[in-house]
Amino acid sequence: MEKSSIKTGRFDPKLSIKRARERKKVTLGSTLVTPTHTYTWSSSMERLNILREGIPYESIEVLSQRINTSVKDILQLIDMPQTTYNKKKREQALLTGRDSEIVLLSIELLDYGIEVFNQEEDKFQRWLKKSNIALGGVTPESLLDSTTGIQEVMNCLNRLEYGNLA
């Protein structure tokens, strides 16, 4: 009898762990595409170089589209007044180091989350907006305001990839 290529039946955690380990071996990079620039990095040193150069305020709009939320919500996350954002964007200024880092780490998190959810972006978007017991009952999206919060969400995604409580 020939085995079907369609997966049916029980979840195989050993296969999932094996697949996750194989993916970890391949260095996947992240990309931020703004109307004026394209930033690509695949290591923390490359990310650091981008941070030192700075990224434009337009990247906040790109992040809001990727997270599927409003620019206003992103501005609240990074604690920036709308008027400051509008002025700096008009002047084509660069984000501060902290805000740039939040944007770049969030992009990395989004790329990883979509990978964990097997390229099903809608499911990942729903997961971001639902409260999560493993994160203390808050939504993963609400933790994107700091590097520590982003790391906690990344850890949660990592646990999910390996079949643990997340």
N, C-alpha and C. Protein backbone atom coordinates (compact mmCIF):
# COMPACT_ATOMS: atom_id res chain seq x y z
N MET A 1 0.84 -1.18 0.00
CA MET A 1 0.00 0.00 0.00
C MET A 1 0.88 1.24 0.00
N GLU A 2 0.57 2.21 -0.83
CA GLU A 2 1.37 3.43 -0.99
C GLU A 2 0.96 4.47 0.04
N LYS A 3 1.95 5.13 0.66
CA LYS A 3 1.66 6.18 1.64
C LYS A 3 1.24 7.45 0.93
N SER A 4 0.28 8.12 1.48
CA SER A 4 -0.20 9.39 0.93
C SER A 4 0.73 10.51 1.37
N SER A 5 0.91 11.49 0.51
CA SER A 5 1.74 12.63 0.86
C SER A 5 0.98 13.66 1.68
N ILE A 6 -0.32 13.48 1.78
CA ILE A 6 -1.14 14.38 2.58
C ILE A 6 -1.08 13.93 4.02
N LYS A 7 -0.81 14.86 4.91
CA LYS A 7 -0.65 14.52 6.32
C LYS A 7 -2.02 14.37 6.96
N THR A 8 -2.26 13.22 7.50
CA THR A 8 -3.49 12.98 8.23
C THR A 8 -3.12 12.29 9.53
N GLY A 9 -4.01 12.31 10.47
CA GLY A 9 -3.75 11.61 11.72
C GLY A 9 -3.11 12.49 12.77
N ARG A 10 -2.30 11.88 13.59
CA ARG A 10 -1.73 12.53 14.77
C ARG A 10 -0.53 13.40 14.42
N PHE A 11 -0.32 14.37 15.26
CA PHE A 11 0.83 15.26 15.16
C PHE A 11 2.08 14.50 15.61
N ASP A 12 3.16 14.62 14.86
CA ASP A 12 4.41 13.93 15.18
C ASP A 12 5.42 14.96 15.70
N PRO A 13 5.59 15.07 17.03
CA PRO A 13 6.50 16.08 17.57
C PRO A 13 7.95 15.85 17.18
N LYS A 14 8.37 14.60 17.02
CA LYS A 14 9.75 14.33 16.64
C LYS A 14 10.04 14.87 15.25
N LEU A 15 9.09 14.72 14.35
CA LEU A 15 9.25 15.24 12.99
C LEU A 15 9.29 16.77 13.02
N SER A 16 8.45 17.37 13.84
CA SER A 16 8.42 18.83 13.94
C SER A 16 9.74 19.36 14.49
N ILE A 17 10.28 18.70 15.50
CA ILE A 17 11.56 19.12 16.09
C ILE A 17 12.68 18.96 15.08
N LYS A 18 12.68 17.87 14.36
CA LYS A 18 13.69 17.64 13.33
C LYS A 18 13.63 18.72 12.27
N ARG A 19 12.43 19.05 11.82
CA ARG A 19 12.24 20.09 10.81
C ARG A 19 12.72 21.45 11.33
N ALA A 20 12.43 21.74 12.59
CA ALA A 20 12.85 23.01 13.18
C ALA A 20 14.37 23.09 13.27
N ARG A 21 15.01 22.01 13.67
CA ARG A 21 16.47 22.01 13.77
C ARG A 21 17.12 22.20 12.40
N GLU A 22 16.54 21.57 11.38
CA GLU A 22 17.08 21.74 10.02
C GLU A 22 16.95 23.18 9.55
N ARG A 23 15.83 23.80 9.87
CA ARG A 23 15.63 25.20 9.48
C ARG A 23 16.61 26.13 10.20
N LYS A 24 16.91 25.80 11.47
CA LYS A 24 17.82 26.63 12.24
C LYS A 24 19.22 26.63 11.65
N LYS A 25 19.61 25.53 10.99
CA LYS A 25 20.93 25.43 10.39
C LYS A 25 21.10 26.41 9.24
N VAL A 26 19.99 26.67 8.54
CA VAL A 26 20.03 27.60 7.42
C VAL A 26 19.87 29.00 7.97
N THR A 27 20.79 29.88 7.67
CA THR A 27 20.71 31.25 8.15
C THR A 27 19.74 32.02 7.27
N LEU A 28 18.62 32.31 7.84
CA LEU A 28 17.64 33.09 7.11
C LEU A 28 17.80 34.55 7.48
N GLY A 29 17.73 35.40 6.51
CA GLY A 29 17.86 36.81 6.77
C GLY A 29 16.50 37.47 6.84
N SER A 30 16.51 38.70 7.26
CA SER A 30 15.30 39.50 7.28
C SER A 30 15.51 40.69 6.37
N THR A 31 14.40 41.20 5.88
CA THR A 31 14.46 42.34 4.96
C THR A 31 13.40 43.35 5.34
N LEU A 32 13.79 44.59 5.31
CA LEU A 32 12.88 45.72 5.51
C LEU A 32 12.94 46.55 4.24
N VAL A 33 11.80 46.65 3.57
CA VAL A 33 11.75 47.42 2.33
C VAL A 33 10.90 48.66 2.57
N THR A 34 11.54 49.83 2.47
CA THR A 34 10.83 51.10 2.57
C THR A 34 10.78 51.68 1.16
N PRO A 35 9.98 52.71 0.94
CA PRO A 35 9.92 53.31 -0.40
C PRO A 35 11.27 53.82 -0.91
N THR A 36 12.18 54.16 -0.01
CA THR A 36 13.46 54.72 -0.45
C THR A 36 14.66 53.79 -0.26
N HIS A 37 14.55 52.78 0.59
CA HIS A 37 15.68 51.90 0.88
C HIS A 37 15.23 50.46 1.06
N THR A 38 16.17 49.55 0.90
CA THR A 38 15.97 48.14 1.24
C THR A 38 17.10 47.75 2.18
N TYR A 39 16.73 47.24 3.34
CA TYR A 39 17.69 46.82 4.34
C TYR A 39 17.59 45.31 4.49
N THR A 40 18.72 44.62 4.38
CA THR A 40 18.75 43.18 4.53
C THR A 40 19.84 42.80 5.52
N TRP A 41 19.53 41.88 6.43
CA TRP A 41 20.51 41.43 7.40
C TRP A 41 20.23 39.97 7.74
N SER A 42 21.29 39.26 8.06
CA SER A 42 21.14 37.85 8.45
C SER A 42 21.93 37.53 9.72
N SER A 43 22.50 38.55 10.32
CA SER A 43 23.21 38.34 11.59
C SER A 43 23.03 39.58 12.45
N SER A 44 23.33 39.43 13.73
CA SER A 44 23.19 40.58 14.63
C SER A 44 24.20 41.67 14.31
N MET A 45 25.36 41.31 13.77
CA MET A 45 26.34 42.33 13.40
C MET A 45 25.85 43.15 12.20
N GLU A 46 25.22 42.49 11.24
CA GLU A 46 24.66 43.22 10.10
C GLU A 46 23.52 44.12 10.57
N ARG A 47 22.69 43.61 11.52
CA ARG A 47 21.62 44.43 12.07
C ARG A 47 22.22 45.64 12.79
N LEU A 48 23.31 45.43 13.53
CA LEU A 48 23.97 46.51 14.25
C LEU A 48 24.46 47.59 13.29
N ASN A 49 25.02 47.20 12.18
CA ASN A 49 25.47 48.18 11.18
C ASN A 49 24.32 49.01 10.64
N ILE A 50 23.18 48.36 10.41
CA ILE A 50 22.00 49.10 9.94
C ILE A 50 21.53 50.05 11.03
N LEU A 51 21.54 49.60 12.28
CA LEU A 51 21.11 50.45 13.40
C LEU A 51 21.99 51.69 13.52
N ARG A 52 23.27 51.51 13.31
CA ARG A 52 24.21 52.64 13.42
C ARG A 52 23.99 53.65 12.31
N GLU A 53 23.61 53.17 11.14
CA GLU A 53 23.30 54.09 10.03
C GLU A 53 21.95 54.75 10.23
N GLY A 54 21.01 54.04 10.84
CA GLY A 54 19.68 54.54 11.08
C GLY A 54 18.73 54.14 9.96
N ILE A 55 17.45 54.01 10.32
CA ILE A 55 16.42 53.70 9.33
C ILE A 55 15.39 54.82 9.33
N PRO A 56 14.74 55.05 8.20
CA PRO A 56 13.82 56.18 8.09
C PRO A 56 12.51 55.96 8.86
N TYR A 57 11.83 57.05 9.14
CA TYR A 57 10.55 57.00 9.83
C TYR A 57 9.50 56.24 9.03
N GLU A 58 9.68 56.14 7.72
CA GLU A 58 8.75 55.39 6.86
C GLU A 58 8.67 53.93 7.28
N SER A 59 9.70 53.43 7.93
CA SER A 59 9.73 52.03 8.32
C SER A 59 8.62 51.70 9.33
N ILE A 60 8.13 52.71 10.04
CA ILE A 60 7.02 52.49 10.97
C ILE A 60 5.77 52.09 10.19
N GLU A 61 5.56 52.71 9.04
CA GLU A 61 4.42 52.35 8.20
C GLU A 61 4.56 50.92 7.68
N VAL A 62 5.77 50.56 7.28
CA VAL A 62 6.03 49.20 6.79
C VAL A 62 5.72 48.19 7.90
N LEU A 63 6.18 48.48 9.11
CA LEU A 63 5.93 47.60 10.25
C LEU A 63 4.43 47.49 10.52
N SER A 64 3.72 48.59 10.46
CA SER A 64 2.27 48.55 10.72
C SER A 64 1.55 47.70 9.68
N GLN A 65 2.00 47.75 8.44
CA GLN A 65 1.39 46.91 7.41
C GLN A 65 1.71 45.44 7.66
N ARG A 66 2.95 45.15 8.06
CA ARG A 66 3.34 43.76 8.30
C ARG A 66 2.60 43.17 9.50
N ILE A 67 2.38 43.98 10.55
CA ILE A 67 1.68 43.49 11.73
C ILE A 67 0.17 43.54 11.52
N ASN A 68 -0.26 44.25 10.51
CA ASN A 68 -1.67 44.41 10.21
C ASN A 68 -2.39 45.21 11.30
N THR A 69 -1.78 46.33 11.65
CA THR A 69 -2.36 47.23 12.64
C THR A 69 -2.10 48.66 12.17
N SER A 70 -2.68 49.61 12.83
CA SER A 70 -2.55 51.01 12.40
C SER A 70 -1.20 51.60 12.82
N VAL A 71 -0.80 52.64 12.11
CA VAL A 71 0.42 53.37 12.46
C VAL A 71 0.27 53.94 13.87
N LYS A 72 -0.93 54.39 14.20
CA LYS A 72 -1.20 54.95 15.52
C LYS A 72 -0.88 53.93 16.63
N ASP A 73 -1.24 52.67 16.40
CA ASP A 73 -0.96 51.63 17.39
C ASP A 73 0.55 51.39 17.53
N ILE A 74 1.26 51.43 16.41
CA ILE A 74 2.72 51.26 16.45
C ILE A 74 3.35 52.43 17.20
N LEU A 75 2.86 53.64 16.94
CA LEU A 75 3.39 54.81 17.63
C LEU A 75 3.15 54.73 19.13
N GLN A 76 2.01 54.18 19.53
CA GLN A 76 1.75 53.98 20.96
C GLN A 76 2.72 52.96 21.55
N LEU A 77 3.02 51.91 20.78
CA LEU A 77 3.96 50.90 21.25
C LEU A 77 5.34 51.49 21.52
N ILE A 78 5.80 52.34 20.61
CA ILE A 78 7.15 52.90 20.77
C ILE A 78 7.13 54.25 21.49
N ASP A 79 5.93 54.63 21.99
CA ASP A 79 5.77 55.84 22.80
C ASP A 79 6.23 57.09 22.05
N MET A 80 5.65 57.28 20.86
CA MET A 80 5.99 58.44 20.05
C MET A 80 4.71 59.20 19.70
N PRO A 81 4.67 60.50 19.95
CA PRO A 81 3.50 61.29 19.57
C PRO A 81 3.33 61.33 18.05
N GLN A 82 2.08 61.36 17.62
CA GLN A 82 1.76 61.42 16.19
C GLN A 82 2.38 62.65 15.54
N THR A 83 2.37 63.79 16.24
CA THR A 83 2.93 65.02 15.66
C THR A 83 4.43 64.90 15.41
N THR A 84 5.15 64.27 16.35
CA THR A 84 6.59 64.05 16.17
C THR A 84 6.83 63.16 14.97
N TYR A 85 6.05 62.09 14.87
CA TYR A 85 6.18 61.17 13.74
C TYR A 85 5.95 61.90 12.42
N ASN A 86 4.87 62.68 12.35
CA ASN A 86 4.56 63.40 11.10
C ASN A 86 5.67 64.36 10.72
N LYS A 87 6.18 65.11 11.71
CA LYS A 87 7.23 66.09 11.44
C LYS A 87 8.52 65.40 10.97
N LYS A 88 8.95 64.37 11.70
CA LYS A 88 10.19 63.67 11.35
C LYS A 88 10.08 62.95 10.01
N LYS A 89 8.92 62.43 9.72
CA LYS A 89 8.73 61.76 8.43
C LYS A 89 8.81 62.77 7.30
N ARG A 90 8.19 63.91 7.49
CA ARG A 90 8.21 64.98 6.49
C ARG A 90 9.65 65.46 6.25
N GLU A 91 10.44 65.53 7.31
CA GLU A 91 11.84 65.96 7.21
C GLU A 91 12.76 64.85 6.71
N GLN A 92 12.21 63.65 6.52
CA GLN A 92 12.97 62.47 6.11
C GLN A 92 14.10 62.17 7.09
N ALA A 93 13.78 62.31 8.37
CA ALA A 93 14.74 62.04 9.44
C ALA A 93 14.85 60.53 9.68
N LEU A 94 15.82 60.16 10.50
CA LEU A 94 16.02 58.76 10.84
C LEU A 94 15.53 58.50 12.26
N LEU A 95 15.04 57.29 12.49
CA LEU A 95 14.61 56.89 13.83
C LEU A 95 15.79 56.85 14.79
N THR A 96 15.50 57.00 16.07
CA THR A 96 16.55 56.86 17.08
C THR A 96 17.02 55.40 17.10
N GLY A 97 18.13 55.15 17.75
CA GLY A 97 18.67 53.80 17.82
C GLY A 97 17.70 52.82 18.45
N ARG A 98 17.06 53.21 19.56
CA ARG A 98 16.11 52.34 20.25
C ARG A 98 14.94 52.02 19.35
N ASP A 99 14.34 53.03 18.73
CA ASP A 99 13.18 52.81 17.87
C ASP A 99 13.54 52.00 16.64
N SER A 100 14.73 52.24 16.08
CA SER A 100 15.20 51.45 14.94
C SER A 100 15.33 49.99 15.34
N GLU A 101 15.88 49.76 16.53
CA GLU A 101 16.07 48.39 16.99
C GLU A 101 14.74 47.68 17.19
N ILE A 102 13.76 48.38 17.75
CA ILE A 102 12.43 47.80 17.94
C ILE A 102 11.84 47.40 16.58
N VAL A 103 11.97 48.28 15.59
CA VAL A 103 11.42 47.99 14.26
C VAL A 103 12.12 46.78 13.64
N LEU A 104 13.46 46.76 13.67
CA LEU A 104 14.19 45.66 13.05
C LEU A 104 13.94 44.32 13.76
N LEU A 105 13.93 44.33 15.08
CA LEU A 105 13.65 43.10 15.82
C LEU A 105 12.22 42.63 15.58
N SER A 106 11.29 43.57 15.45
CA SER A 106 9.91 43.19 15.16
C SER A 106 9.79 42.55 13.79
N ILE A 107 10.53 43.07 12.82
CA ILE A 107 10.54 42.48 11.48
C ILE A 107 11.08 41.05 11.55
N GLU A 108 12.17 40.86 12.31
CA GLU A 108 12.72 39.51 12.48
C GLU A 108 11.70 38.58 13.12
N LEU A 109 11.01 39.08 14.14
CA LEU A 109 10.00 38.29 14.82
C LEU A 109 8.88 37.91 13.86
N LEU A 110 8.44 38.85 13.05
CA LEU A 110 7.37 38.57 12.09
C LEU A 110 7.81 37.51 11.08
N ASP A 111 9.02 37.63 10.58
CA ASP A 111 9.53 36.63 9.64
C ASP A 111 9.57 35.24 10.28
N TYR A 112 10.06 35.19 11.52
CA TYR A 112 10.15 33.91 12.22
C TYR A 112 8.76 33.35 12.53
N GLY A 113 7.86 34.22 12.96
CA GLY A 113 6.50 33.78 13.29
C GLY A 113 5.78 33.19 12.09
N ILE A 114 5.93 33.81 10.95
CA ILE A 114 5.30 33.29 9.74
C ILE A 114 5.90 31.94 9.37
N GLU A 115 7.20 31.79 9.60
CA GLU A 115 7.86 30.50 9.35
C GLU A 115 7.32 29.44 10.30
N VAL A 116 7.18 29.78 11.58
CA VAL A 116 6.67 28.83 12.57
C VAL A 116 5.24 28.40 12.22
N PHE A 117 4.45 29.33 11.70
CA PHE A 117 3.07 29.03 11.33
C PHE A 117 2.96 28.52 9.90
N ASN A 118 4.06 27.97 9.37
CA ASN A 118 4.09 27.35 8.04
C ASN A 118 3.57 28.27 6.93
N GLN A 119 4.02 29.51 6.94
CA GLN A 119 3.70 30.51 5.92
C GLN A 119 2.22 30.89 5.92
N GLU A 120 1.49 30.55 6.96
CA GLU A 120 0.08 30.93 7.07
C GLU A 120 -0.01 32.22 7.87
N GLU A 121 0.13 33.31 7.14
CA GLU A 121 0.22 34.63 7.77
C GLU A 121 -1.04 34.98 8.55
N ASP A 122 -2.22 34.59 8.06
CA ASP A 122 -3.47 34.91 8.75
C ASP A 122 -3.51 34.26 10.14
N LYS A 123 -3.08 33.01 10.22
CA LYS A 123 -3.06 32.33 11.52
C LYS A 123 -2.09 33.01 12.47
N PHE A 124 -0.93 33.39 11.95
CA PHE A 124 0.06 34.07 12.79
C PHE A 124 -0.48 35.43 13.26
N GLN A 125 -1.14 36.17 12.38
CA GLN A 125 -1.71 37.46 12.76
C GLN A 125 -2.74 37.29 13.88
N ARG A 126 -3.57 36.25 13.78
CA ARG A 126 -4.55 35.99 14.85
C ARG A 126 -3.84 35.64 16.15
N TRP A 127 -2.77 34.84 16.07
CA TRP A 127 -2.01 34.47 17.26
C TRP A 127 -1.43 35.71 17.94
N LEU A 128 -0.93 36.66 17.15
CA LEU A 128 -0.35 37.88 17.70
C LEU A 128 -1.36 38.69 18.51
N LYS A 129 -2.63 38.62 18.12
CA LYS A 129 -3.65 39.46 18.72
C LYS A 129 -4.44 38.78 19.85
N LYS A 130 -4.18 37.49 20.09
CA LYS A 130 -4.90 36.77 21.14
C LYS A 130 -4.07 36.73 22.42
N SER A 131 -4.74 36.83 23.56
CA SER A 131 -4.01 36.74 24.83
C SER A 131 -3.39 35.36 24.94
N ASN A 132 -2.24 35.31 25.61
CA ASN A 132 -1.44 34.10 25.64
C ASN A 132 -1.05 33.78 27.07
N ILE A 133 -1.40 32.60 27.54
CA ILE A 133 -1.10 32.18 28.91
C ILE A 133 0.41 32.18 29.16
N ALA A 134 1.18 31.72 28.17
CA ALA A 134 2.63 31.63 28.33
C ALA A 134 3.28 33.00 28.45
N LEU A 135 2.56 34.05 28.05
CA LEU A 135 3.09 35.41 28.15
C LEU A 135 2.39 36.20 29.25
N GLY A 136 1.87 35.50 30.22
CA GLY A 136 1.24 36.16 31.35
C GLY A 136 -0.16 36.68 31.06
N GLY A 137 -0.81 36.14 30.04
CA GLY A 137 -2.18 36.53 29.73
C GLY A 137 -2.31 37.76 28.85
N VAL A 138 -1.20 38.30 28.37
CA VAL A 138 -1.27 39.45 27.46
C VAL A 138 -1.10 38.98 26.02
N THR A 139 -1.40 39.86 25.08
CA THR A 139 -1.23 39.50 23.68
C THR A 139 0.24 39.64 23.30
N PRO A 140 0.73 38.79 22.40
CA PRO A 140 2.12 38.93 21.95
C PRO A 140 2.38 40.31 21.35
N GLU A 141 1.39 40.82 20.64
CA GLU A 141 1.53 42.13 20.00
C GLU A 141 1.82 43.24 21.00
N SER A 142 1.26 43.13 22.21
CA SER A 142 1.45 44.18 23.22
C SER A 142 2.86 44.20 23.79
N LEU A 143 3.64 43.17 23.53
CA LEU A 143 5.01 43.10 24.07
C LEU A 143 6.06 43.61 23.09
N LEU A 144 5.63 44.11 21.95
CA LEU A 144 6.59 44.56 20.94
C LEU A 144 7.13 45.96 21.21
N ASP A 145 6.98 46.44 22.43
CA ASP A 145 7.44 47.79 22.77
C ASP A 145 8.85 47.83 23.34
N SER A 146 9.45 46.65 23.55
CA SER A 146 10.82 46.61 24.09
C SER A 146 11.55 45.39 23.55
N THR A 147 12.85 45.44 23.62
CA THR A 147 13.64 44.31 23.15
C THR A 147 13.39 43.07 24.01
N THR A 148 13.17 43.27 25.30
CA THR A 148 12.87 42.15 26.20
C THR A 148 11.53 41.52 25.84
N GLY A 149 10.54 42.35 25.58
CA GLY A 149 9.22 41.85 25.19
C GLY A 149 9.28 41.09 23.88
N ILE A 150 10.01 41.62 22.92
CA ILE A 150 10.17 40.95 21.63
C ILE A 150 10.86 39.61 21.82
N GLN A 151 11.87 39.57 22.69
CA GLN A 151 12.57 38.31 22.96
C GLN A 151 11.64 37.29 23.61
N GLU A 152 10.77 37.73 24.50
CA GLU A 152 9.82 36.82 25.13
C GLU A 152 8.86 36.23 24.10
N VAL A 153 8.39 37.05 23.17
CA VAL A 153 7.51 36.55 22.11
C VAL A 153 8.28 35.58 21.22
N MET A 154 9.54 35.91 20.93
CA MET A 154 10.39 35.02 20.13
C MET A 154 10.57 33.68 20.85
N ASN A 155 10.80 33.72 22.17
CA ASN A 155 10.93 32.49 22.95
C ASN A 155 9.64 31.67 22.90
N CYS A 156 8.51 32.36 22.96
CA CYS A 156 7.21 31.69 22.89
C CYS A 156 7.04 31.00 21.53
N LEU A 157 7.41 31.69 20.46
CA LEU A 157 7.35 31.09 19.13
C LEU A 157 8.29 29.89 19.02
N ASN A 158 9.44 30.00 19.64
CA ASN A 158 10.40 28.90 19.63
C ASN A 158 9.81 27.68 20.35
N ARG A 159 9.17 27.91 21.49
CA ARG A 159 8.53 26.81 22.21
C ARG A 159 7.43 26.19 21.35
N LEU A 160 6.67 27.03 20.70
CA LEU A 160 5.59 26.56 19.83
C LEU A 160 6.15 25.70 18.70
N GLU A 161 7.27 26.12 18.13
CA GLU A 161 7.91 25.37 17.05
C GLU A 161 8.32 23.98 17.51
N TYR A 162 8.74 23.88 18.77
CA TYR A 162 9.18 22.60 19.30
C TYR A 162 8.06 21.82 19.99
N GLY A 163 6.83 22.33 19.92
CA GLY A 163 5.69 21.60 20.45
C GLY A 163 5.43 21.76 21.92
N ASN A 164 5.97 22.81 22.55
CA ASN A 164 5.75 23.07 23.96
C ASN A 164 4.64 24.09 24.14
N LEU A 165 4.27 24.33 25.41
CA LEU A 165 3.24 25.30 25.71
C LEU A 165 3.67 26.69 25.24
N ALA A 166 2.83 27.28 24.41
CA ALA A 166 3.12 28.64 23.95
C ALA A 166 1.81 29.31 23.70
